[in-house]
Protein backbone atom coordinates (compact mmCIF):
# COMPACT_ATOMS: atom_id res chain seq x y z
CA MET A 1 -204.46 48.97 64.22
CA ALA A 2 -205.10 52.48 62.83
CA ARG A 3 -208.69 52.15 62.34
CA ILE A 4 -208.99 50.42 65.85
CA ILE A 5 -207.60 53.63 67.43
CA ASN A 6 -209.26 55.60 65.28
CA LEU A 7 -212.79 54.27 66.48
CA LEU A 8 -211.57 54.12 70.45
CA LEU A 9 -210.30 57.85 69.65
CA VAL A 10 -213.59 59.00 68.45
CA VAL A 11 -215.73 57.39 71.26
CA ALA A 12 -213.47 58.51 74.01
CA ILE A 13 -213.39 62.46 72.89
CA LEU A 14 -217.30 61.97 72.46
CA SER A 15 -217.69 60.36 75.82
CA GLY A 16 -216.29 63.82 77.44
CA ALA A 17 -219.81 65.29 76.87
CA THR A 18 -221.18 63.23 79.56
CA ASN A 19 -222.03 66.40 81.63
CA ALA A 20 -223.20 68.57 78.92
CA LYS A 21 -226.04 70.72 79.51
CA PRO A 22 -229.80 69.86 78.65
CA SER A 23 -229.76 71.96 75.57
CA GLU A 24 -226.51 70.35 74.53
CA THR A 25 -227.89 66.91 75.52
CA ARG A 26 -230.76 67.45 73.01
CA ASN A 27 -228.61 68.74 70.40
CA ALA A 28 -226.56 65.70 70.70
CA GLN A 29 -229.50 63.40 70.78
CA SER A 30 -230.63 65.23 67.42
CA LYS A 31 -227.09 64.08 65.98
CA GLN A 32 -227.14 60.54 67.28
CA GLY A 33 -228.18 59.15 63.97
CA GLU A 34 -224.90 60.80 62.56
CA LEU A 35 -222.84 59.26 65.19
CA VAL A 36 -224.10 55.96 64.83
CA SER A 37 -223.49 56.10 61.06
CA ARG A 38 -219.93 57.10 61.33
CA ILE A 39 -219.19 54.27 64.10
CA THR A 40 -221.04 51.67 62.19
CA ASP A 41 -218.80 52.76 59.11
CA MET A 42 -215.82 52.57 61.19
CA LEU A 43 -217.01 49.20 62.42
CA HIS A 44 -217.24 47.93 58.87
CA GLN A 45 -213.66 49.36 58.31
CA LEU A 46 -212.15 47.41 61.26
CA ARG A 47 -213.66 44.19 60.19
CA ALA A 48 -212.21 44.55 56.99
CA SER A 49 -208.68 45.63 58.57
CA CYS A 50 -208.94 42.67 60.76
CA VAL A 51 -209.35 40.12 58.19
CA GLU A 52 -206.55 41.47 56.14
CA ARG A 53 -204.06 41.70 58.97
CA SER A 54 -204.97 38.11 60.51
CA GLY A 55 -206.81 36.23 57.70
CA SER A 56 -209.95 35.84 59.85
CA GLU A 57 -212.90 37.72 61.78
CA GLU A 58 -211.76 36.14 64.84
CA GLY A 59 -210.49 39.17 66.43
CA PHE A 60 -213.14 41.32 65.51
CA ARG A 61 -215.88 38.89 66.73
CA GLN A 62 -213.82 39.06 70.10
CA ILE A 63 -213.97 42.77 69.98
CA MET A 64 -217.48 43.51 69.42
CA THR A 65 -218.48 40.48 72.24
CA SER A 66 -216.11 42.28 74.47
CA ILE A 67 -217.76 45.72 74.14
CA GLN A 68 -221.27 44.36 75.21
CA SER A 69 -219.69 42.98 78.27
CA ILE A 70 -217.44 45.68 79.45
CA LYS A 71 -220.18 47.82 80.91
CA SER A 72 -221.80 45.03 83.01
CA CYS A 73 -218.34 43.97 84.01
CA ALA A 74 -217.00 47.46 85.17
CA LYS A 75 -220.33 47.61 87.39
CA GLN A 76 -218.73 45.10 89.59
CA TYR A 77 -215.84 46.94 90.27
CA VAL A 78 -217.20 50.49 90.09
CA ASP A 79 -220.67 51.83 91.60
CA VAL A 80 -221.65 53.52 88.37
CA PRO A 81 -224.64 55.38 89.52
CA LYS A 82 -222.90 56.85 92.40
CA LEU A 83 -219.79 57.65 90.44
CA LYS A 84 -222.04 59.62 88.08
CA THR A 85 -223.64 61.56 91.07
CA ASP A 86 -220.35 62.23 92.58
CA LEU A 87 -218.79 63.56 89.89
CA LYS A 88 -221.74 66.04 89.16
CA THR A 89 -221.56 67.30 92.79
CA MET A 90 -217.91 66.97 93.03
CA THR A 91 -215.94 70.14 94.56
CA ARG A 92 -212.86 71.29 95.14
CA GLU A 93 -213.15 70.43 98.79
CA ASN A 94 -214.04 66.74 98.47
CA ASN A 95 -212.46 65.68 95.08
CA LYS A 96 -209.30 64.04 96.71
CA GLU A 97 -211.44 62.00 99.16
CA LEU A 98 -213.34 60.92 96.35
CA PHE A 99 -210.65 59.73 94.08
CA GLU A 100 -208.81 58.06 96.72
CA ASN A 101 -211.84 55.78 96.75
CA TYR A 102 -212.54 55.56 93.27
CA CYS A 103 -209.12 55.44 91.55
CA PRO A 104 -208.30 51.63 93.30
CA GLN A 105 -211.66 50.77 91.85
CA PHE A 106 -210.65 52.20 88.26
CA ASN A 107 -207.62 50.16 88.43
CA LYS A 108 -209.56 46.90 89.39
CA SER A 109 -211.96 47.43 86.59
CA LYS A 110 -209.23 47.23 84.02
CA VAL A 111 -209.63 43.45 83.96
CA CYS A 112 -213.04 44.01 82.12
CA PHE A 113 -211.00 45.42 79.08
CA GLU A 114 -208.88 42.40 78.60
CA ASP A 115 -211.14 40.67 76.18
CA ILE A 116 -211.23 43.51 73.89
CA ILE A 117 -207.31 44.01 74.02
CA GLU A 118 -207.15 40.48 73.34
CA GLY A 119 -209.49 40.92 70.23
CA VAL A 120 -207.27 43.85 69.16
CA ALA A 121 -204.06 41.78 69.46
CA THR A 122 -205.74 38.94 67.52
CA CYS A 123 -206.90 41.60 64.70
CA ALA A 124 -203.06 42.62 64.50
CA GLY A 125 -201.80 39.05 63.20
CA GLN A 126 -197.96 38.69 63.70
CA ASP A 127 -197.81 41.91 65.50
CA ALA A 128 -200.18 40.62 68.32
CA ASP A 129 -197.69 40.83 71.17
CA GLU A 130 -196.71 44.48 70.43
CA THR A 131 -200.28 45.49 69.75
CA ARG A 132 -201.40 44.12 73.14
CA ALA A 133 -198.54 45.96 74.91
CA ILE A 134 -199.64 49.31 73.10
CA ALA A 135 -203.21 48.73 74.03
CA ASN A 136 -202.44 47.91 77.43
CA ASP A 137 -200.55 51.28 77.89
CA MET A 138 -203.45 53.02 76.46
CA LEU A 139 -205.68 51.74 79.04
CA ASN A 140 -203.25 52.48 81.88
CA ASN A 141 -203.00 56.11 80.48
CA ALA A 142 -206.62 56.30 80.52
CA VAL A 143 -207.09 55.48 84.24
CA GLU A 144 -204.24 57.89 84.95
CA LEU A 145 -205.71 60.84 83.09
CA MET A 146 -209.10 60.36 85.22
CA CYS A 147 -207.23 59.98 88.34
CA LYS A 148 -204.65 62.85 87.41
CA ASN A 149 -204.84 65.46 90.23
CA ASP A 150 -207.66 63.95 91.72
CA GLY A 151 -210.12 63.98 88.87
CA GLU A 152 -209.15 67.38 87.83
CA ILE A 153 -210.18 66.33 83.93
CA PHE A 154 -213.83 66.08 85.24
CA PHE A 155 -213.67 69.69 86.31
CA GLU A 156 -212.53 70.84 82.96
CA THR A 157 -215.38 68.89 81.07
CA ARG A 158 -217.84 70.84 82.79
CA LYS A 159 -216.85 73.99 81.36
CA PRO A 160 -218.48 75.35 78.52
CA GLU A 161 -215.46 75.45 76.25
CA PHE A 162 -214.83 72.02 76.54
CA HIS A 163 -217.92 71.01 74.88
CA THR A 164 -217.20 73.66 72.27
CA CYS A 165 -213.58 71.98 71.88
CA VAL A 166 -214.97 68.51 71.55
CA ALA A 167 -217.35 70.04 68.47
CA GLU A 168 -214.07 71.70 67.08
CA PHE A 169 -212.29 68.03 67.46
CA LYS A 170 -214.92 66.63 65.31
CA ARG A 171 -214.84 69.24 62.73
CA ASN A 172 -211.13 69.31 62.26
CA ALA A 173 -210.59 65.47 62.62
CA GLN A 174 -210.68 64.98 59.00
CA ASP A 175 -208.41 68.19 58.39
CA CYS A 176 -205.77 67.01 60.87
CA ASN A 177 -205.91 63.66 59.07
CA THR A 178 -206.18 61.47 62.22
CA LEU A 179 -203.58 58.37 61.90
CA HIS A 180 -205.02 57.99 57.89
CA PHE A 181 -201.29 58.89 57.40
CA ALA A 182 -200.71 55.09 58.60
CA LYS A 183 -203.34 53.49 56.63
CA GLY A 184 -201.93 49.98 55.59
CA THR A 185 -199.01 50.54 57.98
CA PRO A 186 -199.15 48.51 61.28
CA MET A 187 -198.56 50.73 64.22
CA THR A 188 -196.05 48.59 65.55
CA ARG A 189 -193.77 49.27 62.68
CA LEU A 190 -193.84 53.11 61.81
CA GLY A 191 -190.80 54.79 60.39
CA GLU A 192 -189.44 58.17 60.35
CA ALA A 193 -191.94 59.42 58.03
CA GLU A 194 -194.94 58.11 60.02
CA CYS A 195 -193.53 59.30 63.52
CA ARG A 196 -193.13 62.65 62.01
CA ALA A 197 -196.67 62.55 60.99
CA ILE A 198 -198.15 61.77 64.11
CA GLU A 199 -196.16 64.83 65.69
CA GLU A 200 -197.67 66.64 62.72
CA THR A 201 -201.12 65.43 63.47
CA LYS A 202 -200.91 66.51 66.98
CA GLU A 203 -199.48 69.95 66.32
CA CYS A 204 -202.55 70.30 64.07
CA PHE A 205 -205.11 69.59 66.85
CA ARG A 206 -202.62 72.24 69.25
CA ASP A 207 -203.41 74.67 66.66
CA LYS A 208 -207.08 74.34 66.01
CA LEU A 209 -207.85 73.53 69.73
CA SER A 210 -206.04 76.28 71.40
CA SER A 211 -208.97 77.30 73.75
CA CYS A 212 -208.94 73.83 75.81
CA LYS A 213 -206.19 71.87 74.11
CA SER A 214 -204.73 70.65 77.50
CA THR A 215 -208.10 68.80 78.13
CA VAL A 216 -208.80 67.50 75.04
CA MET A 217 -204.96 66.79 73.83
CA GLY A 218 -204.53 64.94 77.18
CA ILE A 219 -207.35 62.63 75.89
CA VAL A 220 -205.78 62.32 72.52
CA ASP A 221 -202.19 61.61 74.13
CA VAL A 222 -203.56 58.70 75.82
CA PHE A 223 -203.95 57.20 72.72
CA TYR A 224 -201.03 58.55 70.47
CA ASP A 225 -198.26 58.37 73.22
CA PRO A 226 -198.12 54.35 73.30
CA ILE A 227 -197.96 54.41 69.92
CA ILE A 228 -194.87 57.02 69.73
CA SER A 229 -193.35 55.11 72.56
CA ALA A 230 -193.55 51.60 71.01
CA ASN A 231 -191.83 52.84 67.73
CA ASN A 232 -189.13 54.72 69.53
CA CYS A 233 -190.45 58.26 67.55
CA GLN A 234 -188.46 60.33 70.07
CA GLN A 235 -185.72 59.30 68.24
CA TYR A 236 -186.23 61.46 65.23
CA LYS A 237 -187.00 64.68 67.45
CA ALA A 238 -183.11 64.88 67.95
CA ILE A 239 -182.70 65.32 64.01
CA GLN A 240 -182.71 69.05 63.58
CA GLU A 241 -183.84 70.50 60.44
CA PRO A 242 -181.17 72.24 58.39
CA VAL A 243 -179.96 75.74 59.42
CA GLY A 244 -179.71 78.56 56.89
CA ASN A 245 -176.53 80.01 56.62
CA GLU A 246 -175.70 82.93 58.93
CA VAL A 247 -175.24 86.37 57.88
CA GLU A 248 -171.99 87.62 58.57
C-alpha cells in the first residue's frame, strides 16, 4: 500500500504543473526521461509489493489496465478540452459559475476510478476492505480539493511560486522520507511509531515548502489524511511529551 500511495502522490504533485509556462514546459520535457524512469521503478516495486501482500499479480494487472481506461472514461463525464480552456482563462468573476457546472461532473467521474481502487484493494490481500475505504476517501478528498472555494487551487497553480514549490517537493521527497517509514507495514495497521512518523513527514514538508505550503500540502493531505483517520492516529496527539521541571 505504501508504494501505491507513493506512486499516486508523485503523479498528483507532478500533475500540478499542467499550467506551466512554455519555458517551464520545455524544461519539464527535458526531464521526461528521468520521470518515466522513476515511475517505472515504482511500478516494479508496486508489482513486487502486490505479489508479496496478496500472493498474485492480479491486483497489479487490474491497476495497470484501469490506468489506461481512466482518461477515456472521464471524458464521458467531463468535457476535458473545454475544462482545460476554462481553467486557463478562469477569473475571480466567473470561477463560481464554472465550478457549479464542473464539480458535479467531477463527482460523476469518480466511477472511472472504481477499477483502480479495486486493484489497490486486491493488492492489499486480507486488508482489502480497509484499503478500499482509504482509497475511496483519497478520491473524495481529491475532488473536494479541486472544488474547494470554487477552484481556488487552480488559481494557486498559476503562480510561479507553485512551480517552485513542486520542484522543492521533488527535491525534498527523499529527505522527508515519504512513507518509507512504513516499508513492510500495511497502511491499515499503523501503530504509534508509524503515526508519529507521518506527522514528522508532514512537518518536514511544511518546513521545506514554506513559500507555498498551503497549496502543495493540500495535495499531500489528500493522501495522508485518510491513512491518519483509518489508523486513528489522532489519539497519539493527545499524548504530550514530558514537561521538564519548572524552576521555582
